Amino acid sequence: MVAPPGIGMDGDPMMGGLGGPCAPISVGDQNLPPGTVTSTELATLPPPPFALENIQADAPPAKKRRLRGLEDSGLAKLLSGLHSCLERMVEPLRKEAPTELEAPVEDLLEEFERHWRLQFDARAMGEPSAAAFFRRFPDVFKIRTIGVHTMVAPVAAPDFQEAAEAGLVRDVPEREGHTADYASGSGELIAALLANLVSEERKATGAPLPFQFAHFEVVHDLLARLRDSAHEGPGALLGTLLDPKPPAPKKEP
């Protein structure tokens, strides 16, 4: 196909467009075709109207964990009932040991059920164990692990309403989430493996059942501490899991 005079193919000015042929660009002694970039300077963009280093992504809001089935007033009454039972349990020991008194968590739950005719179920409220529930209220209870038992001590003259409002909804630790779930899930598998190995070894020597298996609350408390990223306590609980022993018999009053 031959274009008419003065009109290049597809209107290309280099081949004779509507405006006729374009004159070549002269640089020095060389004639370069039109459209050739002759500058050796880098193109620069104008600076942004704001400083990039001052831009900070908004942190996601902290996750919250709320106790299920309770409001402030009901939780305050529950804390008061547990605290009063614990006070009655340690009161006879004040003369013998004027220092901080404590009792096993299992004994406190039995006393609570006997006195109030109610069964305390921490898992129904969203906590894996009673020890994890008590740790939620450090202004009412003090918790520590001694290996065989998890001990709880009453705090003197606590404000139950204030403690209930502070502990009803708490922030989930930053590490808690996928990492904490992985730690808790892995801990459950490892705890089951260790318990089986210990039981098989003790069984071969003819040891009775209380010396073959640790109490299930030990595993519950261990997993709760792993989930909360606690640095104190897992070592003692792991030692109890590896060397199970029956609890000491209760002294009759």
Protein backbone atom coordinates (compact mmCIF):
# COMPACT_ATOMS: atom_id res chain seq x y z
CA MET A 1 0.00 0.00 0.00
CA VAL A 2 1.39 3.39 -1.02
CA ALA A 3 0.46 6.41 1.06
CA PRO A 4 -0.45 9.66 -0.64
CA PRO A 5 2.28 12.26 -0.91
CA GLY A 6 2.94 14.08 2.37
CA ILE A 7 1.23 11.38 4.50
CA GLY A 8 3.30 8.59 6.01
CA MET A 9 2.12 5.12 6.92
CA ASP A 10 -0.28 5.26 9.91
CA GLY A 11 0.37 8.99 10.18
CA ASP A 12 3.95 8.48 11.34
CA PRO A 13 5.64 11.87 11.17
CA MET A 14 9.03 10.22 10.73
CA MET A 15 7.80 8.77 7.43
CA GLY A 16 6.14 11.91 6.27
CA GLY A 17 3.10 12.64 8.40
CA LEU A 18 0.45 15.26 7.99
CA GLY A 19 2.97 17.95 8.79
CA GLY A 20 5.50 16.58 6.39
CA PRO A 21 8.85 14.99 7.16
CA CYS A 22 10.51 15.98 10.47
CA ALA A 23 14.00 17.36 10.43
CA PRO A 24 16.60 15.26 12.23
CA ILE A 25 18.17 16.51 15.49
CA SER A 26 21.76 17.63 15.22
CA VAL A 27 24.02 16.87 18.22
CA GLY A 28 27.60 17.77 17.64
CA ASP A 29 28.66 16.23 14.37
CA GLN A 30 25.96 13.52 14.46
CA ASN A 31 22.44 13.69 13.13
CA LEU A 32 20.12 11.64 15.41
CA PRO A 33 16.59 10.63 14.54
CA PRO A 34 13.73 12.53 16.16
CA GLY A 35 12.71 11.27 19.63
CA THR A 36 16.25 10.34 20.72
CA VAL A 37 17.02 11.16 24.39
CA THR A 38 20.22 13.17 24.46
CA SER A 39 20.33 14.19 28.18
CA THR A 40 22.49 12.10 30.54
CA GLU A 41 20.92 13.52 33.72
CA LEU A 42 18.65 11.31 35.83
CA ALA A 43 15.07 12.38 36.13
CA THR A 44 14.20 13.34 39.72
CA LEU A 45 10.79 13.43 41.33
CA PRO A 46 9.77 16.24 43.65
CA PRO A 47 9.87 15.34 47.38
CA PRO A 48 6.58 14.24 48.96
CA PRO A 49 4.68 16.89 50.90
CA PHE A 50 5.16 14.87 54.15
CA ALA A 51 8.04 13.02 55.78
CA LEU A 52 7.87 9.28 55.18
CA GLU A 53 9.70 8.45 58.41
CA ASN A 54 6.89 10.03 60.42
CA ILE A 55 4.31 7.65 59.00
CA GLN A 56 3.45 4.93 61.53
CA ALA A 57 0.94 2.19 61.00
CA ASP A 58 -1.76 2.13 63.63
CA ALA A 59 -1.29 -0.83 65.97
CA PRO A 60 -4.24 -3.24 66.00
CA PRO A 61 -6.39 -3.00 69.12
CA ALA A 62 -5.42 -5.35 71.93
CA LYS A 63 -7.48 -8.50 72.18
CA LYS A 64 -9.73 -8.94 75.19
CA ARG A 65 -10.76 -12.07 77.05
CA ARG A 66 -13.95 -11.92 79.09
CA LEU A 67 -15.24 -14.37 81.65
CA ARG A 68 -18.37 -16.07 80.39
CA GLY A 69 -21.71 -16.02 82.19
CA LEU A 70 -20.81 -13.39 84.80
CA GLU A 71 -21.28 -9.68 85.38
CA ASP A 72 -19.44 -7.38 87.78
CA SER A 73 -21.83 -7.86 90.70
CA GLY A 74 -22.04 -11.66 90.35
CA LEU A 75 -18.28 -11.99 89.99
CA ALA A 76 -17.72 -9.85 93.09
CA LYS A 77 -19.99 -12.16 95.10
CA LEU A 78 -18.15 -15.22 93.78
CA LEU A 79 -14.77 -13.75 94.76
CA SER A 80 -16.12 -12.87 98.19
CA GLY A 81 -17.44 -16.41 98.71
CA LEU A 82 -14.15 -18.01 97.67
CA HIS A 83 -12.13 -15.60 99.78
CA SER A 84 -14.28 -16.18 102.88
CA CYS A 85 -13.89 -19.96 102.54
CA LEU A 86 -10.15 -19.59 102.22
CA GLU A 87 -10.01 -17.33 105.26
CA ARG A 88 -11.87 -19.90 107.35
CA MET A 89 -9.47 -22.63 106.20
CA VAL A 90 -6.30 -20.76 107.18
CA GLU A 91 -7.65 -19.08 110.33
CA PRO A 92 -6.81 -22.02 112.69
CA LEU A 93 -3.20 -21.91 111.44
CA ARG A 94 -2.56 -18.24 112.19
CA LYS A 95 -1.32 -18.90 115.71
CA GLU A 96 1.08 -21.58 114.55
CA ALA A 97 2.36 -19.68 111.50
CA PRO A 98 1.75 -15.93 111.64
CA THR A 99 3.34 -15.52 108.19
CA GLU A 100 1.41 -15.75 104.92
CA LEU A 101 -0.93 -18.76 105.06
CA GLU A 102 -2.11 -20.76 102.09
CA ALA A 103 -4.06 -23.87 101.16
CA PRO A 104 -4.15 -26.21 98.16
CA VAL A 105 -6.51 -25.09 95.41
CA GLU A 106 -8.25 -28.50 95.43
CA ASP A 107 -9.04 -28.14 99.14
CA LEU A 108 -10.44 -24.67 98.63
CA LEU A 109 -12.77 -25.89 95.89
CA GLU A 110 -14.00 -28.72 98.13
CA GLU A 111 -14.64 -26.30 100.99
CA PHE A 112 -16.46 -23.91 98.65
CA GLU A 113 -18.73 -26.69 97.42
CA ARG A 114 -19.38 -27.95 100.94
CA HIS A 115 -20.18 -24.51 102.38
CA TRP A 116 -22.14 -22.92 99.54
CA ARG A 117 -23.57 -26.07 97.97
CA LEU A 118 -22.24 -24.90 94.62
CA GLN A 119 -19.69 -26.49 92.32
CA PHE A 120 -16.96 -24.21 91.06
CA ASP A 121 -16.26 -24.80 87.34
CA ALA A 122 -13.52 -22.58 85.93
CA ARG A 123 -13.81 -24.03 82.43
CA ALA A 124 -17.46 -22.99 82.22
CA MET A 125 -16.25 -19.40 82.70
CA GLY A 126 -13.59 -19.66 80.00
CA GLU A 127 -10.48 -20.49 82.07
CA PRO A 128 -8.65 -23.83 81.71
CA SER A 129 -8.27 -24.40 85.47
CA ALA A 130 -9.11 -22.94 88.85
CA ALA A 131 -5.49 -21.79 89.28
CA ALA A 132 -5.75 -19.77 86.07
CA PHE A 133 -8.96 -18.19 87.37
CA PHE A 134 -7.30 -17.19 90.67
CA ARG A 135 -4.32 -15.68 88.84
CA ARG A 136 -6.77 -13.38 87.12
CA PHE A 137 -7.34 -11.60 90.46
CA PRO A 138 -3.94 -10.86 92.04
CA ASP A 139 -5.54 -8.33 94.41
CA VAL A 140 -7.67 -11.09 95.97
CA PHE A 141 -5.57 -14.28 95.75
CA LYS A 142 -1.88 -15.14 95.64
CA ILE A 143 -0.96 -18.28 93.70
CA ARG A 144 2.23 -20.31 93.71
CA THR A 145 3.19 -23.84 92.72
CA ILE A 146 5.17 -26.10 95.06
CA GLY A 147 5.24 -29.12 92.75
CA VAL A 148 2.66 -31.45 94.24
CA HIS A 149 0.08 -28.73 94.85
CA THR A 150 -0.86 -25.31 93.56
CA MET A 151 -1.28 -23.18 96.67
CA VAL A 152 -3.57 -20.18 97.08
CA ALA A 153 -3.32 -17.53 99.80
CA PRO A 154 -5.88 -14.82 100.64
CA VAL A 155 -5.00 -11.14 100.30
CA ALA A 156 -5.91 -9.10 103.34
CA ALA A 157 -8.98 -6.84 103.02
CA PRO A 158 -9.44 -6.91 99.24
CA ASP A 159 -11.92 -4.76 97.34
CA PHE A 160 -14.03 -7.43 95.62
CA GLN A 161 -16.00 -5.03 93.43
CA GLU A 162 -12.88 -3.31 92.13
CA ALA A 163 -11.14 -6.65 91.57
CA ALA A 164 -14.19 -7.95 89.68
CA GLU A 165 -14.26 -4.94 87.39
CA ALA A 166 -10.54 -5.23 86.70
CA GLY A 167 -10.54 -8.99 86.11
CA LEU A 168 -13.81 -9.52 84.27
CA VAL A 169 -12.22 -8.45 80.98
CA ARG A 170 -8.46 -8.60 80.62
CA ASP A 171 -6.04 -7.93 77.81
CA VAL A 172 -4.67 -10.96 76.05
CA PRO A 173 -0.85 -10.95 76.24
CA GLU A 174 0.85 -9.86 73.02
CA ARG A 175 2.39 -13.28 72.57
CA GLU A 176 -0.91 -15.00 73.14
CA GLY A 177 -2.53 -15.95 69.86
CA HIS A 178 -1.09 -18.22 67.22
CA THR A 179 2.25 -18.50 69.05
CA ALA A 180 0.64 -19.20 72.41
CA ASP A 181 -1.76 -21.69 70.84
CA TYR A 182 1.21 -23.46 69.28
CA ALA A 183 3.07 -23.50 72.62
CA SER A 184 0.00 -24.80 74.47
CA GLY A 185 -0.75 -27.45 71.82
CA SER A 186 2.86 -28.63 71.71
CA GLY A 187 2.99 -28.65 75.50
CA GLU A 188 -0.09 -30.85 75.65
CA LEU A 189 1.49 -33.40 73.30
CA ILE A 190 4.80 -33.39 75.17
CA ALA A 191 3.05 -33.68 78.55
CA ALA A 192 1.06 -36.68 77.32
CA LEU A 193 4.24 -38.32 76.00
CA LEU A 194 6.14 -37.77 79.26
CA ALA A 195 3.21 -39.02 81.35
CA ASN A 196 3.04 -42.22 79.30
CA LEU A 197 6.79 -42.82 79.54
CA VAL A 198 6.80 -42.26 83.31
CA SER A 199 3.78 -44.50 83.86
CA GLU A 200 5.30 -47.33 81.81
CA GLU A 201 8.54 -47.12 83.76
CA ARG A 202 6.80 -47.02 87.16
CA LYS A 203 4.41 -49.77 86.12
CA ALA A 204 7.32 -52.09 85.31
CA THR A 205 8.61 -51.68 88.87
CA GLY A 206 5.19 -52.42 90.40
CA ALA A 207 4.53 -48.89 91.67
CA PRO A 208 0.91 -48.12 92.64
CA LEU A 209 -1.20 -45.82 90.48
CA PRO A 210 -0.70 -42.62 92.54
CA PHE A 211 3.03 -42.93 91.82
CA GLN A 212 2.48 -43.56 88.10
CA PHE A 213 0.36 -40.56 87.10
CA ALA A 214 0.36 -36.92 88.21
CA HIS A 215 -2.91 -35.17 89.02
CA PHE A 216 -4.70 -33.81 85.95
CA GLU A 217 -4.72 -30.32 87.49
CA VAL A 218 -0.93 -30.29 87.12
CA VAL A 219 -1.26 -30.53 83.34
CA HIS A 220 -4.07 -27.97 83.29
CA ASP A 221 -1.96 -25.50 85.25
CA LEU A 222 1.08 -26.17 83.05
CA LEU A 223 -0.86 -25.49 79.83
CA ALA A 224 -2.40 -22.34 81.33
CA ARG A 225 1.06 -21.00 82.15
CA LEU A 226 2.32 -21.80 78.67
CA ARG A 227 -0.65 -20.00 77.18
CA ASP A 228 -0.05 -16.94 79.36
CA SER A 229 3.72 -16.97 78.62
CA ALA A 230 4.54 -17.25 82.32
CA HIS A 231 8.21 -17.69 83.19
CA GLU A 232 7.65 -18.92 86.76
CA GLY A 233 6.05 -22.24 87.60
CA PRO A 234 6.35 -24.46 84.49
CA GLY A 235 9.63 -25.95 85.75
CA ALA A 236 8.12 -27.12 89.04
CA LEU A 237 5.01 -28.43 87.30
CA LEU A 238 7.14 -30.35 84.81
CA GLY A 239 9.08 -31.87 87.72
CA THR A 240 5.81 -33.02 89.28
CA LEU A 241 4.81 -34.58 85.97
CA LEU A 242 8.08 -36.53 85.81
CA ASP A 243 8.00 -37.60 89.47
CA PRO A 244 4.32 -38.10 90.43
CA LYS A 245 3.51 -38.62 94.09
CA PRO A 246 0.21 -38.82 95.96
CA PRO A 247 -0.72 -35.72 97.97
CA ALA A 248 -0.11 -35.78 101.69
CA PRO A 249 -3.10 -37.00 103.73
CA LYS A 250 -5.29 -34.32 105.20
CA LYS A 251 -5.11 -33.69 108.92
CA GLU A 252 -8.43 -34.07 110.64
CA PRO A 253 -9.35 -30.95 112.67
